[in-house]
Amino acid sequence: MRTFLTTLLLVMSVPVFSDQLENYKKDTDAIWRTGSGAEDGTFTAISTSMLGWGIGLAAGIAILASVLHQSTAGHSD
């Protein structure tokens, strides 16, 4: 009986929850309107981020390569 009541409660609460989600979606869409300015800002942010990551990775690899010594297996100094 407990399982039946729990299932019934979950099934009955789904439409209320979906209505809340639909209202949330409408409110969010009203706040975040897209346009040419929003698209330009997004493209600028993505390209700047990619450029920053590229420079950071290149610098990290260069620093790591300069700090690590190459293996001299077979050579004894």
N, C-alpha and C. Protein backbone atom coordinates (compact mmCIF):
# COMPACT_ATOMS: atom_id res chain seq x y z
N MET A 1 0.82 -1.19 0.00
CA MET A 1 0.00 0.00 0.00
C MET A 1 0.87 1.27 0.00
N ARG A 2 1.97 1.21 0.74
CA ARG A 2 2.86 2.37 0.82
C ARG A 2 3.46 2.67 -0.57
N THR A 3 3.84 1.63 -1.30
CA THR A 3 4.41 1.81 -2.62
C THR A 3 3.40 2.44 -3.57
N PHE A 4 2.17 1.99 -3.46
CA PHE A 4 1.11 2.53 -4.31
C PHE A 4 0.91 4.03 -4.04
N LEU A 5 0.87 4.40 -2.78
CA LEU A 5 0.67 5.81 -2.42
C LEU A 5 1.85 6.68 -2.87
N THR A 6 3.05 6.15 -2.73
CA THR A 6 4.23 6.90 -3.17
C THR A 6 4.21 7.10 -4.67
N THR A 7 3.88 6.05 -5.41
CA THR A 7 3.80 6.14 -6.86
C THR A 7 2.70 7.12 -7.27
N LEU A 8 1.56 7.05 -6.63
CA LEU A 8 0.46 7.95 -6.92
C LEU A 8 0.86 9.41 -6.66
N LEU A 9 1.56 9.66 -5.58
CA LEU A 9 2.00 11.01 -5.26
C LEU A 9 2.97 11.53 -6.32
N LEU A 10 3.90 10.69 -6.75
CA LEU A 10 4.86 11.10 -7.77
C LEU A 10 4.18 11.38 -9.10
N VAL A 11 3.24 10.53 -9.49
CA VAL A 11 2.55 10.72 -10.76
C VAL A 11 1.70 11.98 -10.74
N MET A 12 1.08 12.26 -9.63
CA MET A 12 0.21 13.44 -9.54
C MET A 12 1.02 14.74 -9.48
N SER A 13 2.26 14.69 -9.01
CA SER A 13 3.04 15.92 -8.88
C SER A 13 3.79 16.27 -10.16
N VAL A 14 3.86 15.37 -11.13
CA VAL A 14 4.60 15.62 -12.36
C VAL A 14 4.02 16.78 -13.16
N PRO A 15 2.71 16.88 -13.39
CA PRO A 15 2.20 18.03 -14.15
C PRO A 15 2.49 19.37 -13.49
N VAL A 16 2.45 19.43 -12.18
CA VAL A 16 2.75 20.68 -11.48
C VAL A 16 4.21 21.05 -11.71
N PHE A 17 5.07 20.07 -11.63
CA PHE A 17 6.49 20.32 -11.83
C PHE A 17 6.77 20.74 -13.27
N SER A 18 6.13 20.11 -14.24
CA SER A 18 6.35 20.47 -15.64
C SER A 18 5.83 21.87 -15.93
N ASP A 19 4.74 22.28 -15.29
CA ASP A 19 4.24 23.65 -15.45
C ASP A 19 5.24 24.66 -14.89
N GLN A 20 5.84 24.33 -13.76
CA GLN A 20 6.84 25.21 -13.18
C GLN A 20 8.04 25.33 -14.10
N LEU A 21 8.45 24.22 -14.70
CA LEU A 21 9.56 24.26 -15.64
C LEU A 21 9.23 25.09 -16.87
N GLU A 22 8.01 24.97 -17.35
CA GLU A 22 7.60 25.75 -18.52
C GLU A 22 7.60 27.25 -18.21
N ASN A 23 7.11 27.62 -17.04
CA ASN A 23 7.14 29.03 -16.63
C ASN A 23 8.57 29.53 -16.47
N TYR A 24 9.43 28.69 -15.91
CA TYR A 24 10.83 29.05 -15.75
C TYR A 24 11.49 29.27 -17.11
N LYS A 25 11.17 28.40 -18.07
CA LYS A 25 11.72 28.53 -19.42
C LYS A 25 11.28 29.84 -20.06
N LYS A 26 10.02 30.20 -19.91
CA LYS A 26 9.52 31.45 -20.50
C LYS A 26 10.21 32.66 -19.86
N ASP A 27 10.37 32.63 -18.53
CA ASP A 27 11.03 33.74 -17.85
C ASP A 27 12.48 33.87 -18.28
N THR A 28 13.15 32.74 -18.40
CA THR A 28 14.55 32.75 -18.81
C THR A 28 14.70 33.25 -20.24
N ASP A 29 13.83 32.82 -21.13
CA ASP A 29 13.88 33.28 -22.51
C ASP A 29 13.63 34.78 -22.61
N ALA A 30 12.78 35.31 -21.75
CA ALA A 30 12.49 36.74 -21.77
C ALA A 30 13.69 37.55 -21.30
N ILE A 31 14.47 36.99 -20.38
CA ILE A 31 15.64 37.71 -19.87
C ILE A 31 16.78 37.67 -20.87
N TRP A 32 17.05 36.48 -21.40
CA TRP A 32 18.21 36.28 -22.28
C TRP A 32 17.78 36.27 -23.74
N ARG A 33 17.52 37.43 -24.27
CA ARG A 33 17.15 37.52 -25.68
C ARG A 33 18.41 37.52 -26.52
N THR A 34 18.35 36.81 -27.61
CA THR A 34 19.52 36.75 -28.49
C THR A 34 19.35 37.75 -29.62
N GLY A 35 20.44 38.21 -30.09
CA GLY A 35 20.47 39.14 -31.21
C GLY A 35 21.88 39.20 -31.75
N SER A 36 22.12 40.12 -32.67
CA SER A 36 23.45 40.20 -33.26
C SER A 36 24.50 40.59 -32.23
N GLY A 37 24.14 41.45 -31.29
CA GLY A 37 25.08 41.84 -30.24
C GLY A 37 25.44 40.69 -29.33
N ALA A 38 24.46 39.87 -28.99
CA ALA A 38 24.72 38.71 -28.13
C ALA A 38 25.58 37.68 -28.86
N GLU A 39 25.31 37.48 -30.13
CA GLU A 39 26.10 36.53 -30.92
C GLU A 39 27.53 37.02 -31.06
N ASP A 40 27.72 38.30 -31.31
CA ASP A 40 29.06 38.85 -31.46
C ASP A 40 29.84 38.72 -30.15
N GLY A 41 29.18 38.99 -29.05
CA GLY A 41 29.83 38.84 -27.75
C GLY A 41 30.23 37.41 -27.47
N THR A 42 29.37 36.48 -27.84
CA THR A 42 29.67 35.07 -27.64
C THR A 42 30.86 34.64 -28.48
N PHE A 43 30.87 35.03 -29.74
CA PHE A 43 31.98 34.66 -30.62
C PHE A 43 33.29 35.28 -30.13
N THR A 44 33.24 36.52 -29.66
CA THR A 44 34.44 37.18 -29.14
C THR A 44 34.95 36.46 -27.90
N ALA A 45 34.05 36.10 -27.00
CA ALA A 45 34.45 35.41 -25.77
C ALA A 45 35.07 34.05 -26.08
N ILE A 46 34.49 33.32 -27.00
CA ILE A 46 35.01 31.99 -27.35
C ILE A 46 36.38 32.12 -28.01
N SER A 47 36.52 33.04 -28.94
CA SER A 47 37.81 33.18 -29.63
C SER A 47 38.89 33.67 -28.68
N THR A 48 38.56 34.57 -27.78
CA THR A 48 39.53 35.04 -26.80
C THR A 48 39.95 33.91 -25.87
N SER A 49 38.99 33.11 -25.46
CA SER A 49 39.29 31.97 -24.58
C SER A 49 40.20 30.97 -25.28
N MET A 50 39.89 30.66 -26.54
CA MET A 50 40.72 29.71 -27.29
C MET A 50 42.13 30.25 -27.47
N LEU A 51 42.25 31.54 -27.76
CA LEU A 51 43.56 32.15 -27.93
C LEU A 51 44.35 32.11 -26.61
N GLY A 52 43.67 32.42 -25.52
CA GLY A 52 44.32 32.37 -24.20
C GLY A 52 44.78 30.97 -23.83
N TRP A 53 43.94 29.98 -24.07
CA TRP A 53 44.33 28.60 -23.78
C TRP A 53 45.50 28.17 -24.66
N GLY A 54 45.50 28.57 -25.92
CA GLY A 54 46.59 28.22 -26.82
C GLY A 54 47.92 28.80 -26.36
N ILE A 55 47.90 30.08 -26.00
CA ILE A 55 49.12 30.72 -25.52
C ILE A 55 49.57 30.10 -24.20
N GLY A 56 48.62 29.83 -23.32
CA GLY A 56 48.94 29.21 -22.03
C GLY A 56 49.54 27.82 -22.19
N LEU A 57 48.96 27.03 -23.08
CA LEU A 57 49.51 25.68 -23.33
C LEU A 57 50.89 25.75 -23.96
N ALA A 58 51.08 26.65 -24.91
CA ALA A 58 52.39 26.79 -25.54
C ALA A 58 53.44 27.21 -24.51
N ALA A 59 53.09 28.15 -23.66
CA ALA A 59 54.03 28.59 -22.61
C ALA A 59 54.31 27.45 -21.63
N GLY A 60 53.28 26.72 -21.26
CA GLY A 60 53.47 25.60 -20.34
C GLY A 60 54.36 24.52 -20.92
N ILE A 61 54.17 24.20 -22.18
CA ILE A 61 55.00 23.19 -22.84
C ILE A 61 56.43 23.69 -22.96
N ALA A 62 56.61 24.96 -23.30
CA ALA A 62 57.96 25.52 -23.42
C ALA A 62 58.68 25.50 -22.07
N ILE A 63 58.00 25.88 -21.01
CA ILE A 63 58.60 25.86 -19.68
C ILE A 63 58.94 24.44 -19.27
N LEU A 64 58.02 23.52 -19.49
CA LEU A 64 58.25 22.12 -19.14
C LEU A 64 59.41 21.54 -19.93
N ALA A 65 59.50 21.86 -21.21
CA ALA A 65 60.59 21.35 -22.05
C ALA A 65 61.93 21.93 -21.61
N SER A 66 61.95 23.16 -21.16
CA SER A 66 63.22 23.77 -20.74
C SER A 66 63.67 23.27 -19.37
N VAL A 67 62.72 22.89 -18.53
CA VAL A 67 63.05 22.42 -17.18
C VAL A 67 63.48 20.96 -17.18
N LEU A 68 62.81 20.13 -17.95
CA LEU A 68 63.13 18.71 -17.98
C LEU A 68 64.37 18.46 -18.82
N HIS A 69 65.22 17.58 -18.35
CA HIS A 69 66.43 17.22 -19.09
C HIS A 69 66.13 15.99 -19.93
N GLN A 70 66.71 15.96 -21.12
CA GLN A 70 66.48 14.80 -21.97
C GLN A 70 67.28 13.63 -21.44
N SER A 71 66.74 12.46 -21.69
CA SER A 71 67.40 11.25 -21.25
C SER A 71 68.68 11.02 -22.06
N THR A 72 69.73 10.65 -21.37
CA THR A 72 71.00 10.35 -22.04
C THR A 72 71.35 8.89 -21.79
N ALA A 73 70.41 8.01 -22.05
CA ALA A 73 70.66 6.58 -21.83
C ALA A 73 71.78 6.11 -22.73
N GLY A 74 72.73 5.39 -22.17
CA GLY A 74 73.85 4.91 -22.94
C GLY A 74 75.05 5.82 -22.85
N HIS A 75 74.87 7.03 -22.38
CA HIS A 75 75.97 7.98 -22.20
C HIS A 75 76.29 8.07 -20.73
N SER A 76 77.53 8.10 -20.42
CA SER A 76 77.92 8.35 -19.02
C SER A 76 78.82 9.56 -18.98
N ASP A 77 78.37 10.56 -18.27
CA ASP A 77 79.15 11.81 -18.20
C ASP A 77 79.94 11.87 -16.92
